[in-house]
Protein backbone atom coordinates (compact mmCIF):
# COMPACT_ATOMS: atom_id res chain seq x y z
CA ARG A 1 -0.05 -0.01 -0.04
CA HIS A 2 2.80 2.47 0.84
CA LEU A 3 4.48 1.81 -2.49
CA ALA A 4 1.24 2.32 -4.42
CA THR A 5 0.73 5.71 -2.84
CA GLY A 6 4.31 6.86 -3.17
CA ASP A 7 4.99 6.69 0.53
CA PHE A 8 8.51 5.29 0.09
CA ALA A 9 9.65 6.06 3.64
CA GLY A 10 6.63 4.15 5.01
CA ALA A 11 7.28 1.28 2.64
CA ARG A 12 10.89 1.12 3.60
CA ALA A 13 10.05 1.07 7.28
CA GLY A 14 7.50 -1.74 6.82
CA LEU A 15 9.81 -3.87 4.69
CA GLU A 16 12.78 -3.40 7.08
CA ALA A 17 10.45 -4.53 9.90
CA LEU A 18 9.49 -7.58 7.99
CA LEU A 19 13.12 -8.35 7.15
CA ALA A 20 14.03 -8.03 10.81
CA GLN A 21 11.73 -11.01 11.46
CA GLN A 22 12.45 -12.85 8.19
CA PRO A 23 15.89 -11.78 6.93
CA GLY A 24 15.78 -13.97 3.74
CA HIS A 25 12.39 -12.93 2.53
CA GLY A 26 13.08 -12.60 -1.23
CA GLY A 27 9.91 -10.59 -2.01
CA ALA A 28 10.59 -8.05 0.73
CA LEU A 29 14.17 -7.68 -0.44
CA GLU A 30 12.98 -7.08 -3.95
CA LEU A 31 10.50 -4.50 -2.90
CA LEU A 32 13.11 -2.83 -0.67
CA GLY A 33 15.35 -2.61 -3.74
CA LEU A 34 12.56 -0.94 -5.70
CA THR A 35 11.82 1.41 -2.85
CA ALA A 36 15.45 2.44 -2.59
CA GLY A 37 15.62 3.03 -6.29
CA ASN A 38 12.52 5.19 -6.19
CA GLN A 39 14.24 7.22 -3.50
CA GLY A 40 17.35 7.64 -5.68
CA ASP A 41 19.60 5.32 -3.65
CA PHE A 42 20.68 3.12 -6.53
CA GLN A 43 23.61 1.61 -4.64
CA ALA A 44 21.24 0.25 -1.94
CA ALA A 45 18.73 -0.72 -4.63
CA ALA A 46 21.29 -2.89 -6.44
CA ALA A 47 22.40 -4.50 -3.16
CA HIS A 48 18.85 -5.33 -2.13
CA LEU A 49 17.92 -6.64 -5.54
CA GLU A 50 21.03 -8.85 -5.52
CA SER A 51 20.09 -10.19 -2.10
CA ALA A 52 16.57 -10.89 -3.40
CA ALA A 53 18.03 -12.93 -6.32
CA GLN A 54 20.25 -14.89 -3.93
CA ALA A 55 17.26 -15.48 -1.66
CA GLY A 56 15.42 -17.19 -4.48
CA ALA A 57 13.16 -14.42 -5.79
CA ALA A 58 12.95 -14.87 -9.47
CA SER A 59 10.43 -12.50 -11.11
CA PRO A 60 11.22 -11.09 -14.57
CA GLU A 61 10.96 -7.61 -13.02
CA LEU A 62 13.69 -8.48 -10.51
CA TYR A 63 16.14 -9.39 -13.32
CA TYR A 64 15.20 -6.34 -15.29
CA ASN A 65 15.78 -4.06 -12.31
CA LEU A 66 19.04 -5.88 -11.48
CA ALA A 67 20.19 -5.05 -14.97
CA VAL A 68 19.13 -1.43 -14.78
CA ALA A 69 20.28 -0.46 -11.27
CA PRO A 70 24.09 -0.42 -12.06
CA HIS A 71 23.50 1.86 -15.06
CA LYS A 72 21.74 4.36 -12.74
CA LEU A 73 24.79 4.44 -10.56
């Protein structure tokens, strides 16, 4: 919901709380990467997206964003 409304700070806080309980949650890591990218933090975005891939998240969007993030750095 936070992402849909553009509340990236709220989204980041919620995702970080989820990851504190479930550190390897691939979907949360992917969304945290997207959130960081929307906030202009492309270094953190790339790191979170890479962690999501390593955790087993495998959406086409993840791999697209993994390819794009380094170019935005």
